N, C-alpha and C. Protein backbone atom coordinates (compact mmCIF):
# COMPACT_ATOMS: atom_id res chain seq x y z
N MET A 1 127.47 77.35 127.25
CA MET A 1 125.75 77.44 126.57
C MET A 1 125.84 79.02 127.60
N LYS A 2 126.09 79.16 128.61
CA LYS A 2 126.11 80.75 129.24
C LYS A 2 126.64 81.44 128.34
N ARG A 3 127.97 81.16 127.70
CA ARG A 3 128.37 82.02 126.37
C ARG A 3 127.54 82.19 125.81
N ILE A 4 126.54 81.89 124.88
CA ILE A 4 125.57 81.54 123.87
C ILE A 4 124.69 82.65 124.78
N ILE A 5 124.37 81.97 125.04
CA ILE A 5 122.92 83.00 126.23
C ILE A 5 123.29 84.00 126.39
N LEU A 6 124.11 84.56 126.65
CA LEU A 6 125.27 86.03 127.07
C LEU A 6 125.18 87.00 125.95
N ILE A 7 125.70 86.04 125.23
CA ILE A 7 126.17 87.04 123.93
C ILE A 7 124.58 87.35 122.70
N THR A 8 123.60 85.97 123.00
CA THR A 8 122.36 86.02 122.56
C THR A 8 121.79 87.70 122.86
N SER A 9 121.67 87.30 124.30
CA SER A 9 121.21 88.52 125.17
C SER A 9 121.93 89.88 124.89
N PHE A 10 122.83 89.81 124.91
CA PHE A 10 123.79 91.18 124.33
C PHE A 10 123.13 91.48 122.83
N MET A 11 123.44 90.93 122.09
CA MET A 11 122.93 91.14 120.78
C MET A 11 121.11 91.64 120.78
N ALA A 12 120.14 90.82 121.75
CA ALA A 12 118.94 91.64 121.45
C ALA A 12 119.10 92.37 122.16
N ILE A 13 119.87 93.18 123.36
CA ILE A 13 119.82 94.53 123.61
C ILE A 13 120.13 95.50 122.24
N LEU A 14 121.62 95.01 122.24
CA LEU A 14 122.03 95.64 121.30
C LEU A 14 121.27 96.20 120.12
N LEU A 15 120.28 94.85 119.60
CA LEU A 15 119.24 95.48 118.39
C LEU A 15 117.93 96.48 119.18
N MET A 16 117.38 96.18 120.30
CA MET A 16 116.63 96.62 120.94
C MET A 16 117.24 98.85 121.19
N LEU A 17 118.34 98.71 121.39
CA LEU A 17 118.87 100.11 121.78
C LEU A 17 119.17 100.79 120.25
N LEU A 18 119.66 99.92 118.86
CA LEU A 18 119.90 100.65 117.95
C LEU A 18 118.12 100.37 116.93
N SER A 19 117.14 99.90 117.39
CA SER A 19 116.43 99.98 116.55
C SER A 19 115.16 100.99 117.55
N GLY A 20 115.13 101.77 118.63
CA GLY A 20 115.01 103.00 119.13
C GLY A 20 115.85 104.19 118.45
N CYS A 21 117.08 104.07 118.42
CA CYS A 21 117.64 105.29 117.49
C CYS A 21 116.19 105.65 116.34
N PHE A 22 116.21 104.37 115.42
CA PHE A 22 115.38 104.48 114.36
C PHE A 22 114.14 105.22 114.41
N PHE A 23 113.74 105.50 115.81
CA PHE A 23 112.15 106.21 116.16
C PHE A 23 112.53 107.43 116.34
N ILE A 24 113.81 107.44 117.50
CA ILE A 24 114.29 108.48 118.00
C ILE A 24 115.07 109.40 117.09
N ASP A 25 115.50 109.48 116.41
CA ASP A 25 116.24 110.55 115.58
C ASP A 25 115.05 111.25 114.97
N PRO A 26 113.92 110.88 114.54
CA PRO A 26 113.14 111.25 113.27
C PRO A 26 112.46 112.50 114.59
N MET A 27 111.98 112.02 116.11
CA MET A 27 111.05 112.60 116.66
C MET A 27 112.20 113.94 116.93
N VAL A 28 113.22 113.54 116.81
CA VAL A 28 114.49 114.87 117.54
C VAL A 28 114.08 115.77 116.01
N LYS A 29 114.49 115.85 114.51
CA LYS A 29 114.60 116.62 113.72
C LYS A 29 113.03 117.01 113.71
N VAL A 30 112.09 116.62 114.06
CA VAL A 30 110.79 117.05 113.49
C VAL A 30 110.59 117.93 114.31
N THR A 31 111.03 117.63 115.61
CA THR A 31 110.98 118.70 116.85
C THR A 31 111.85 119.92 116.69
N LYS A 32 112.85 119.54 116.21
CA LYS A 32 113.96 120.80 115.69
C LYS A 32 113.36 121.60 114.40
N LEU A 33 112.38 120.98 113.31
CA LEU A 33 111.71 121.61 112.87
C LEU A 33 110.65 122.18 112.80
N VAL A 34 110.40 122.27 114.05
CA VAL A 34 108.77 123.24 114.55
C VAL A 34 109.97 124.28 115.66
N SER A 35 110.72 123.55 116.70
CA SER A 35 111.38 124.80 117.19
C SER A 35 112.35 125.78 116.01
N ASP A 36 112.42 125.63 115.45
CA ASP A 36 113.08 126.51 113.79
C ASP A 36 111.84 127.19 113.52
N PHE A 37 110.78 126.82 113.08
CA PHE A 37 109.83 127.92 113.09
C PHE A 37 108.79 128.80 114.27
N GLU A 38 109.20 128.18 115.41
CA GLU A 38 109.29 129.41 116.25
C GLU A 38 110.05 130.45 116.65
N GLU A 39 111.39 130.32 116.03
CA GLU A 39 112.26 131.22 116.46
C GLU A 39 112.31 132.26 115.15
N TYR A 40 112.26 131.75 113.95
CA TYR A 40 112.09 132.31 112.80
C TYR A 40 110.59 133.31 112.95
N TRP A 41 109.60 132.65 113.31
CA TRP A 41 108.67 133.90 113.97
C TRP A 41 109.03 134.78 114.33
N GLU A 42 109.65 134.50 115.39
CA GLU A 42 109.87 135.50 115.90
C GLU A 42 111.39 136.31 116.49
N ASP A 43 111.71 136.24 115.34
CA ASP A 43 113.07 137.16 114.56
C ASP A 43 112.23 137.72 113.49
N GLU A 44 111.01 137.05 112.81
CA GLU A 44 110.34 137.86 111.65
C GLU A 44 111.20 137.69 110.84
N ASN A 45 111.70 135.79 110.62
CA ASN A 45 112.98 136.37 109.15
C ASN A 45 112.21 134.99 108.38
N ALA A 46 111.85 135.83 107.06
CA ALA A 46 110.54 135.08 106.23
C ALA A 46 111.59 134.34 105.31
N VAL A 47 113.26 134.77 104.86
CA VAL A 47 114.16 133.59 104.26
C VAL A 47 113.88 132.36 105.23
N GLY A 48 114.21 132.60 106.41
CA GLY A 48 114.43 131.41 107.32
C GLY A 48 112.72 130.63 107.03
N LEU A 49 111.52 131.52 107.21
CA LEU A 49 110.07 130.40 107.67
C LEU A 49 109.95 129.61 105.83
N ALA A 50 110.76 130.33 104.98
CA ALA A 50 110.18 130.07 103.62
C ALA A 50 111.35 128.38 103.73
N GLY A 51 112.94 128.49 103.91
CA GLY A 51 113.40 127.29 104.11
C GLY A 51 113.32 126.75 104.88
N LEU A 52 112.34 126.67 105.73
CA LEU A 52 111.44 124.74 106.30
C LEU A 52 110.56 124.53 104.90
N TYR A 53 110.10 124.81 104.30
CA TYR A 53 109.14 124.03 103.53
C TYR A 53 110.04 123.77 102.12
N THR A 54 109.11 122.34 101.61
CA THR A 54 109.94 122.31 100.22
C THR A 54 109.20 123.16 99.40
N ASP A 55 110.07 122.90 98.13
CA ASP A 55 109.72 123.63 97.22
C ASP A 55 109.59 123.29 95.94
N PRO A 56 107.64 123.13 95.40
CA PRO A 56 107.07 124.13 96.07
C PRO A 56 106.40 123.12 97.22
N ALA A 57 105.24 124.17 97.88
CA ALA A 57 104.60 123.83 99.12
C ALA A 57 103.36 123.47 99.19
N LEU A 58 102.25 123.24 99.29
CA LEU A 58 100.93 123.31 99.77
C LEU A 58 100.67 124.10 100.44
N ILE A 59 99.97 124.99 100.18
CA ILE A 59 99.70 125.98 101.43
C ILE A 59 98.12 126.13 101.54
N ASN A 60 97.28 126.36 102.82
CA ASN A 60 96.49 125.80 102.43
C ASN A 60 95.49 124.63 101.04
N THR A 61 95.41 125.54 99.97
CA THR A 61 95.20 124.51 98.47
C THR A 61 95.54 125.15 97.25
N ALA A 62 96.64 125.62 97.42
CA ALA A 62 97.78 126.25 96.69
C ALA A 62 99.12 126.26 97.08
N MET A 63 99.71 125.29 95.75
CA MET A 63 100.80 125.05 95.77
C MET A 63 101.92 126.77 95.62
N LYS A 64 102.53 126.87 96.16
CA LYS A 64 103.67 127.94 96.56
C LYS A 64 105.10 127.52 96.18
N SER A 65 105.76 128.42 95.42
CA SER A 65 107.27 128.45 95.37
C SER A 65 107.71 129.05 96.64
N TYR A 66 108.91 128.85 96.81
CA TYR A 66 109.56 129.17 97.82
C TYR A 66 110.18 130.75 97.31
N LEU A 67 110.00 131.52 96.97
CA LEU A 67 109.79 132.96 96.56
C LEU A 67 108.45 133.07 97.39
N GLN A 68 106.83 132.54 97.15
CA GLN A 68 106.28 132.90 97.35
C GLN A 68 105.92 132.96 98.98
N ILE A 69 106.75 131.83 99.36
CA ILE A 69 106.50 132.07 100.73
C ILE A 69 107.27 132.87 101.53
N ILE A 70 108.14 133.54 100.99
CA ILE A 70 109.07 134.28 101.56
C ILE A 70 108.15 135.72 101.29
N ASP A 71 107.44 136.00 100.15
CA ASP A 71 106.47 136.86 99.96
C ASP A 71 105.66 137.12 101.58
N ALA A 72 104.87 135.55 101.60
CA ALA A 72 104.08 135.86 102.02
C ALA A 72 104.11 136.30 103.61
N TYR A 73 105.29 135.43 103.88
CA TYR A 73 105.82 136.12 105.62
C TYR A 73 106.06 137.59 105.33
N SER A 74 106.64 137.77 104.32
CA SER A 74 107.27 139.11 104.77
C SER A 74 106.03 140.24 104.64
N SER A 75 105.32 139.87 103.79
CA SER A 75 103.91 140.91 104.05
C SER A 75 103.23 141.17 105.48
N ARG A 76 103.11 139.71 105.96
CA ARG A 76 102.89 140.01 107.53
C ARG A 76 103.71 140.04 108.50
N PHE A 77 104.93 140.40 108.24
CA PHE A 77 105.37 141.15 109.22
C PHE A 77 105.56 142.66 109.04
N GLU A 78 105.17 142.91 107.51
CA GLU A 78 105.56 144.39 107.46
C GLU A 78 104.17 145.16 108.25
N GLY A 79 105.31 146.45 109.10
CA GLY A 79 104.20 147.25 109.24
C GLY A 79 103.77 146.71 111.03
N ARG A 80 104.48 145.33 111.47
CA ARG A 80 104.14 145.60 112.66
C ARG A 80 105.34 144.18 112.90
N ASP A 81 105.40 144.26 114.92
CA ASP A 81 106.58 143.75 115.25
C ASP A 81 105.53 142.18 115.84
N VAL A 82 106.75 141.22 116.14
CA VAL A 82 105.89 140.00 116.91
C VAL A 82 106.85 140.32 118.09
N VAL A 83 105.88 140.09 119.46
CA VAL A 83 106.70 140.01 120.19
C VAL A 83 107.05 138.58 120.76
N SER A 84 106.52 137.84 120.38
CA SER A 84 106.00 136.45 120.76
C SER A 84 105.61 135.64 120.01
N PHE A 85 106.31 134.62 119.65
CA PHE A 85 105.31 133.07 119.11
C PHE A 85 105.16 132.50 120.01
N ASN A 86 104.17 132.30 120.58
CA ASN A 86 103.99 130.73 122.19
C ASN A 86 103.54 129.42 121.34
N ARG A 87 103.84 128.83 121.39
CA ARG A 87 103.72 127.40 120.77
C ARG A 87 103.24 126.64 121.79
N GLY A 88 101.93 126.14 121.50
CA GLY A 88 101.38 124.83 122.42
C GLY A 88 102.25 123.63 122.26
N ASP A 89 101.39 122.41 123.23
CA ASP A 89 101.99 121.41 122.73
C ASP A 89 102.01 120.46 121.34
N VAL A 90 103.11 119.70 120.83
CA VAL A 90 102.95 119.05 119.62
C VAL A 90 103.03 117.69 118.99
N ASP A 91 101.65 117.22 118.40
CA ASP A 91 101.54 116.16 118.23
C ASP A 91 101.65 115.75 116.95
N VAL A 92 102.78 114.71 117.29
CA VAL A 92 103.62 114.56 115.72
C VAL A 92 103.14 112.48 115.41
N HIS A 93 102.81 112.31 114.47
CA HIS A 93 102.47 110.52 113.56
C HIS A 93 103.37 110.41 112.71
N PHE A 94 104.12 109.94 112.77
CA PHE A 94 104.70 109.18 111.62
C PHE A 94 104.35 107.82 110.70
N ASN A 95 104.28 108.31 109.81
CA ASN A 95 103.94 106.97 108.52
C ASN A 95 104.80 105.75 109.02
N VAL A 96 104.75 105.03 108.16
CA VAL A 96 105.29 103.23 108.06
C VAL A 96 106.41 103.50 108.24
N GLY A 97 107.39 104.42 107.42
CA GLY A 97 108.57 104.06 107.39
C GLY A 97 109.59 105.22 107.83
N ALA A 98 108.76 105.98 108.44
CA ALA A 98 109.15 107.05 109.05
C ALA A 98 109.94 107.94 107.98
N THR A 99 109.47 108.42 107.06
CA THR A 99 110.00 109.42 105.97
C THR A 99 108.60 110.73 105.83
N GLU A 100 107.32 110.30 106.39
CA GLU A 100 106.87 110.89 106.55
C GLU A 100 106.06 111.59 107.98
N ALA A 101 105.29 112.15 107.99
CA ALA A 101 104.67 112.81 109.56
C ALA A 101 103.38 113.43 109.21
N THR A 102 102.87 113.55 110.25
CA THR A 102 101.81 114.50 110.13
C THR A 102 102.28 115.73 111.81
N VAL A 103 101.58 116.98 111.88
CA VAL A 103 102.60 117.29 112.56
C VAL A 103 101.15 118.92 113.15
N GLU A 104 101.26 118.26 114.38
CA GLU A 104 99.62 119.34 115.03
C GLU A 104 100.37 120.25 116.19
N PHE A 105 99.83 121.42 116.03
CA PHE A 105 99.85 121.94 117.22
C PHE A 105 99.11 123.39 116.95
N SER A 106 99.13 123.87 118.02
CA SER A 106 98.33 125.15 118.42
C SER A 106 99.67 126.76 118.66
N ALA A 107 99.00 127.92 118.49
CA ALA A 107 100.18 128.80 119.15
C ALA A 107 99.39 130.40 118.81
N VAL A 108 100.20 131.07 119.77
CA VAL A 108 99.47 132.20 120.05
C VAL A 108 100.28 133.65 119.69
N ILE A 109 100.53 134.08 118.78
CA ILE A 109 101.29 135.28 118.36
C ILE A 109 100.95 136.41 118.72
N ASP A 110 101.72 136.80 119.45
CA ASP A 110 101.69 138.20 120.21
C ASP A 110 102.35 139.18 119.11
N TRP A 111 101.79 140.43 118.69
CA TRP A 111 101.96 141.52 117.88
C TRP A 111 102.23 142.74 118.74
N THR A 112 103.02 143.40 118.61
CA THR A 112 102.83 144.84 118.80
C THR A 112 101.84 145.67 118.64
N SER A 113 101.08 145.65 118.13
CA SER A 113 100.24 146.38 117.52
C SER A 113 98.98 145.23 117.11
N GLY A 114 97.73 145.58 117.51
CA GLY A 114 96.58 144.67 117.02
C GLY A 114 96.32 143.78 117.67
N PRO A 115 95.43 143.01 117.53
CA PRO A 115 95.05 142.11 118.61
C PRO A 115 96.40 140.40 118.32
N ASP A 116 96.36 139.42 118.83
CA ASP A 116 97.18 138.56 119.37
C ASP A 116 96.62 137.39 118.37
N ASP A 117 96.98 137.00 117.25
CA ASP A 117 96.60 135.66 116.65
C ASP A 117 96.68 134.28 117.02
N HIS A 118 95.61 133.60 117.11
CA HIS A 118 95.60 132.16 117.62
C HIS A 118 95.13 130.91 116.70
N ARG A 119 96.47 130.06 116.46
CA ARG A 119 96.72 129.75 115.45
C ARG A 119 96.29 128.23 115.19
N THR A 120 95.80 127.38 114.74
CA THR A 120 96.21 126.09 114.93
C THR A 120 96.90 125.45 113.41
N TYR A 121 98.15 124.99 113.44
CA TYR A 121 99.12 124.50 112.66
C TYR A 121 98.90 123.10 112.19
N SER A 122 98.78 122.51 111.01
CA SER A 122 98.34 121.14 110.40
C SER A 122 99.60 120.99 109.42
N TRP A 123 100.61 120.13 109.94
CA TRP A 123 101.23 119.57 108.67
C TRP A 123 101.37 118.80 108.43
N THR A 124 102.16 118.40 106.77
CA THR A 124 102.74 116.90 106.15
C THR A 124 103.98 117.15 106.15
N VAL A 125 105.22 117.02 106.73
CA VAL A 125 106.67 116.86 107.03
C VAL A 125 106.74 116.07 106.31
N LYS A 126 108.11 115.92 105.34
CA LYS A 126 108.69 114.59 104.54
C LYS A 126 109.99 114.77 104.69
N LYS A 127 110.83 113.75 104.35
CA LYS A 127 112.23 113.56 105.32
C LYS A 127 112.77 113.61 104.00
N MET A 128 113.50 114.53 103.29
CA MET A 128 114.46 114.85 102.10
C MET A 128 115.86 115.40 102.29
N SER A 129 116.91 113.88 102.23
CA SER A 129 117.79 114.49 101.84
C SER A 129 118.58 114.41 103.45
N GLY A 130 118.15 113.24 104.38
CA GLY A 130 118.34 113.32 105.61
C GLY A 130 117.47 114.51 106.54
N ASN A 131 117.23 115.49 105.94
CA ASN A 131 116.11 116.74 106.55
C ASN A 131 114.76 116.34 106.46
N TRP A 132 114.09 117.62 107.04
CA TRP A 132 112.50 117.29 107.75
C TRP A 132 112.32 118.94 107.29
N PHE A 133 111.37 118.76 105.92
CA PHE A 133 110.50 120.01 105.27
C PHE A 133 108.94 120.15 105.40
N ILE A 134 108.20 121.42 105.36
CA ILE A 134 106.95 121.33 105.17
C ILE A 134 106.71 120.95 103.97
N SER A 135 106.04 119.93 103.67
CA SER A 135 105.40 120.16 102.36
C SER A 135 103.80 120.43 102.04
N ARG A 136 102.84 120.62 103.52
CA ARG A 136 101.43 120.67 103.52
C ARG A 136 101.17 121.39 104.43
N SER A 137 100.66 122.94 104.44
CA SER A 137 100.58 123.47 105.93
C SER A 137 98.78 124.10 105.45
N ASN A 138 98.50 124.12 106.29
CA ASN A 138 96.83 124.67 106.55
C ASN A 138 97.32 126.09 106.60
N GLU A 139 97.99 126.94 106.79
CA GLU A 139 98.27 128.26 106.70
C GLU A 139 100.03 128.42 106.78
N TYR A 140 100.30 130.31 106.85
CA TYR A 140 101.05 130.56 106.89
C TYR A 140 101.81 130.59 108.32
């Protein structure tokens, strides 16, 4: 009897640990997506930024292709340099199957010339082939 209780307890603990992985892994990957976004902004990497989006992606109210996203970021970086991209706290909410999430955070972009940009990003991100991509954004 003790052996059955011990085995059952062990299985319950193992199940709890494994179920935690299903929630931790998506959070880690979405957090990495946001970190990559910040890194590519600081590096002024329009190609890297565009690679974080689905193709096409809904930005504001228009569908944008991969090449259109590259062009939009390239024009932002033209004629001025990013000193830093200072991101605030990130708020993530997953759907029931953890295949889609909403992501919100604010950022201050410090430029070498001109005023700082204060932005609030609101994304919908989707899991595709084991990776997370921005499918909808309120802005670049």
